Amino acid sequence: MNKKLRQLRLQKGVSQSFISKKLGYAHPSGYANIEMGRNGLSLKNAVIIAEILGVDVAELSSDEKLHNSNKIGA
């Protein structure tokens, strides 16, 4: 997934810093760690990233699964 995220982001001309801010991270490394595979991508963040990049969430995941970190009652 991380290669796909990077490819789509670069095609759209969007910076890691911009996406990091939209996801609520204080530093660009927040999103960069997702792109590098160091951190997983929650379904919630995948939806936000898909909206920023103008693609369907399914296009982000290609053949890898998104993990759902949403907790009931949170």
N, C-alpha and C. Protein backbone atom coordinates (compact mmCIF):
# COMPACT_ATOMS: atom_id res chain seq x y z
N MET A 1 0.83 -1.19 0.00
CA MET A 1 0.00 0.00 0.00
C MET A 1 0.87 1.25 0.00
N ASN A 2 1.99 1.22 0.70
CA ASN A 2 2.79 2.43 0.82
C ASN A 2 3.29 2.93 -0.54
N LYS A 3 3.64 2.03 -1.45
CA LYS A 3 4.07 2.46 -2.78
C LYS A 3 2.91 3.10 -3.53
N LYS A 4 1.74 2.55 -3.37
CA LYS A 4 0.54 3.08 -4.03
C LYS A 4 0.21 4.47 -3.49
N LEU A 5 0.30 4.64 -2.17
CA LEU A 5 0.03 5.95 -1.57
C LEU A 5 1.00 6.99 -2.11
N ARG A 6 2.27 6.65 -2.14
CA ARG A 6 3.29 7.59 -2.63
C ARG A 6 3.04 7.93 -4.10
N GLN A 7 2.78 6.91 -4.90
CA GLN A 7 2.53 7.11 -6.33
C GLN A 7 1.34 8.05 -6.56
N LEU A 8 0.24 7.81 -5.88
CA LEU A 8 -0.95 8.65 -6.04
C LEU A 8 -0.70 10.06 -5.55
N ARG A 9 -0.02 10.19 -4.41
CA ARG A 9 0.26 11.51 -3.86
C ARG A 9 1.12 12.33 -4.82
N LEU A 10 2.15 11.71 -5.37
CA LEU A 10 3.03 12.42 -6.30
C LEU A 10 2.30 12.79 -7.59
N GLN A 11 1.45 11.88 -8.07
CA GLN A 11 0.67 12.16 -9.29
C GLN A 11 -0.23 13.37 -9.10
N LYS A 12 -0.77 13.52 -7.89
CA LYS A 12 -1.69 14.62 -7.60
C LYS A 12 -0.96 15.89 -7.16
N GLY A 13 0.36 15.80 -6.95
CA GLY A 13 1.13 16.96 -6.54
C GLY A 13 0.86 17.42 -5.13
N VAL A 14 0.57 16.48 -4.24
CA VAL A 14 0.23 16.79 -2.85
C VAL A 14 1.44 16.46 -1.97
N SER A 15 1.77 17.33 -1.03
CA SER A 15 2.92 17.10 -0.15
C SER A 15 2.56 16.21 1.03
N GLN A 16 3.57 15.56 1.57
CA GLN A 16 3.38 14.78 2.79
C GLN A 16 2.95 15.69 3.93
N SER A 17 3.50 16.88 3.96
CA SER A 17 3.16 17.85 5.01
C SER A 17 1.67 18.19 4.99
N PHE A 18 1.13 18.42 3.79
CA PHE A 18 -0.29 18.75 3.65
C PHE A 18 -1.17 17.63 4.18
N ILE A 19 -0.87 16.40 3.77
CA ILE A 19 -1.67 15.26 4.23
C ILE A 19 -1.52 15.07 5.74
N SER A 20 -0.30 15.22 6.24
CA SER A 20 -0.07 15.09 7.69
C SER A 20 -0.95 16.05 8.47
N LYS A 21 -1.00 17.29 8.02
CA LYS A 21 -1.83 18.29 8.71
C LYS A 21 -3.30 17.92 8.65
N LYS A 22 -3.78 17.45 7.51
CA LYS A 22 -5.18 17.06 7.37
C LYS A 22 -5.53 15.87 8.27
N LEU A 23 -4.53 15.01 8.53
CA LEU A 23 -4.76 13.86 9.41
C LEU A 23 -4.59 14.21 10.88
N GLY A 24 -4.15 15.44 11.16
CA GLY A 24 -4.01 15.88 12.54
C GLY A 24 -2.63 15.66 13.14
N TYR A 25 -1.66 15.30 12.31
CA TYR A 25 -0.29 15.13 12.81
C TYR A 25 0.39 16.49 12.91
N ALA A 26 1.25 16.65 13.90
CA ALA A 26 1.98 17.90 14.09
C ALA A 26 3.16 18.03 13.13
N HIS A 27 3.67 16.89 12.65
CA HIS A 27 4.84 16.89 11.79
C HIS A 27 4.58 16.05 10.54
N PRO A 28 5.25 16.37 9.42
CA PRO A 28 5.09 15.60 8.19
C PRO A 28 5.44 14.13 8.37
N SER A 29 6.28 13.81 9.35
CA SER A 29 6.67 12.42 9.56
C SER A 29 5.48 11.55 9.95
N GLY A 30 4.41 12.14 10.45
CA GLY A 30 3.22 11.36 10.80
C GLY A 30 2.68 10.62 9.60
N TYR A 31 2.51 11.33 8.50
CA TYR A 31 2.04 10.67 7.28
C TYR A 31 3.17 9.90 6.61
N ALA A 32 4.39 10.44 6.64
CA ALA A 32 5.53 9.77 6.00
C ALA A 32 5.71 8.36 6.56
N ASN A 33 5.48 8.19 7.86
CA ASN A 33 5.60 6.86 8.47
C ASN A 33 4.56 5.89 7.93
N ILE A 34 3.39 6.37 7.57
CA ILE A 34 2.38 5.52 6.94
C ILE A 34 2.86 5.12 5.56
N GLU A 35 3.36 6.10 4.81
CA GLU A 35 3.82 5.85 3.45
C GLU A 35 5.00 4.88 3.42
N MET A 36 5.85 4.94 4.44
CA MET A 36 7.02 4.06 4.50
C MET A 36 6.70 2.70 5.12
N GLY A 37 5.46 2.52 5.57
CA GLY A 37 5.07 1.24 6.13
C GLY A 37 5.42 1.06 7.60
N ARG A 38 5.89 2.11 8.25
CA ARG A 38 6.23 2.03 9.67
C ARG A 38 4.99 2.03 10.54
N ASN A 39 3.96 2.74 10.11
CA ASN A 39 2.69 2.80 10.82
C ASN A 39 1.59 2.29 9.90
N GLY A 40 0.60 1.64 10.49
CA GLY A 40 -0.53 1.17 9.72
C GLY A 40 -1.46 2.31 9.33
N LEU A 41 -2.33 2.04 8.41
CA LEU A 41 -3.29 3.03 7.94
C LEU A 41 -4.68 2.63 8.41
N SER A 42 -5.27 3.46 9.26
CA SER A 42 -6.62 3.18 9.74
C SER A 42 -7.62 3.47 8.63
N LEU A 43 -8.77 2.88 8.73
CA LEU A 43 -9.83 3.12 7.76
C LEU A 43 -10.22 4.60 7.77
N LYS A 44 -10.29 5.18 8.95
CA LYS A 44 -10.64 6.60 9.08
C LYS A 44 -9.66 7.47 8.30
N ASN A 45 -8.36 7.24 8.49
CA ASN A 45 -7.36 8.03 7.77
C ASN A 45 -7.34 7.72 6.28
N ALA A 46 -7.63 6.47 5.92
CA ALA A 46 -7.69 6.11 4.50
C ALA A 46 -8.78 6.90 3.79
N VAL A 47 -9.91 7.08 4.46
CA VAL A 47 -11.02 7.86 3.88
C VAL A 47 -10.58 9.30 3.66
N ILE A 48 -9.90 9.88 4.64
CA ILE A 48 -9.43 11.27 4.52
C ILE A 48 -8.42 11.39 3.38
N ILE A 49 -7.47 10.47 3.32
CA ILE A 49 -6.46 10.51 2.27
C ILE A 49 -7.09 10.33 0.90
N ALA A 50 -8.04 9.42 0.79
CA ALA A 50 -8.72 9.20 -0.49
C ALA A 50 -9.43 10.46 -0.94
N GLU A 51 -10.06 11.17 -0.02
CA GLU A 51 -10.73 12.43 -0.37
C GLU A 51 -9.73 13.47 -0.85
N ILE A 52 -8.59 13.58 -0.17
CA ILE A 52 -7.55 14.54 -0.56
C ILE A 52 -7.04 14.22 -1.96
N LEU A 53 -6.82 12.93 -2.23
CA LEU A 53 -6.25 12.53 -3.51
C LEU A 53 -7.29 12.36 -4.61
N GLY A 54 -8.56 12.43 -4.25
CA GLY A 54 -9.62 12.32 -5.24
C GLY A 54 -9.77 10.92 -5.81
N VAL A 55 -9.58 9.91 -4.96
CA VAL A 55 -9.71 8.52 -5.39
C VAL A 55 -10.63 7.78 -4.43
N ASP A 56 -11.04 6.58 -4.81
CA ASP A 56 -11.80 5.71 -3.92
C ASP A 56 -10.85 5.07 -2.92
N VAL A 57 -11.35 4.78 -1.73
CA VAL A 57 -10.54 4.12 -0.71
C VAL A 57 -9.99 2.80 -1.25
N ALA A 58 -10.77 2.08 -2.02
CA ALA A 58 -10.33 0.80 -2.58
C ALA A 58 -9.08 0.97 -3.44
N GLU A 59 -8.95 2.10 -4.09
CA GLU A 59 -7.77 2.34 -4.92
C GLU A 59 -6.51 2.48 -4.07
N LEU A 60 -6.65 2.93 -2.84
CA LEU A 60 -5.50 3.04 -1.94
C LEU A 60 -5.00 1.68 -1.50
N SER A 61 -5.93 0.77 -1.28
CA SER A 61 -5.57 -0.49 -0.66
C SER A 61 -5.04 -1.52 -1.65
N SER A 62 -5.26 -1.36 -2.92
CA SER A 62 -4.88 -2.33 -3.94
C SER A 62 -5.13 -3.74 -3.43
N ASP A 63 -4.09 -4.46 -2.98
CA ASP A 63 -4.33 -5.82 -2.49
C ASP A 63 -4.01 -5.98 -1.00
N GLU A 64 -3.74 -4.89 -0.32
CA GLU A 64 -3.48 -4.97 1.11
C GLU A 64 -4.70 -4.51 1.89
N LYS A 65 -4.86 -5.03 3.08
CA LYS A 65 -6.03 -4.69 3.90
C LYS A 65 -5.75 -3.48 4.77
N LEU A 66 -6.78 -2.68 4.96
CA LEU A 66 -6.72 -1.57 5.91
C LEU A 66 -7.12 -2.11 7.26
N HIS A 67 -6.51 -1.61 8.31
CA HIS A 67 -6.96 -2.05 9.63
C HIS A 67 -7.91 -1.01 10.19
N ASN A 68 -8.90 -1.48 10.89
CA ASN A 68 -9.90 -0.59 11.45
C ASN A 68 -9.56 -0.34 12.90
N SER A 69 -9.04 0.86 13.17
CA SER A 69 -8.65 1.18 14.54
C SER A 69 -9.73 1.93 15.29
N ASN A 70 -10.90 2.05 14.69
CA ASN A 70 -12.01 2.72 15.37
C ASN A 70 -12.51 1.84 16.50
N LYS A 71 -12.69 2.42 17.64
CA LYS A 71 -13.16 1.67 18.79
C LYS A 71 -14.61 2.04 19.08
N ILE A 72 -15.39 1.07 19.47
CA ILE A 72 -16.79 1.32 19.81
C ILE A 72 -16.83 2.21 21.04
N GLY A 73 -17.64 3.26 20.95
CA GLY A 73 -17.78 4.17 22.06
C GLY A 73 -16.71 5.25 22.14
N ALA A 74 -15.80 5.25 21.16
CA ALA A 74 -14.73 6.27 21.18
C ALA A 74 -15.14 7.49 20.42
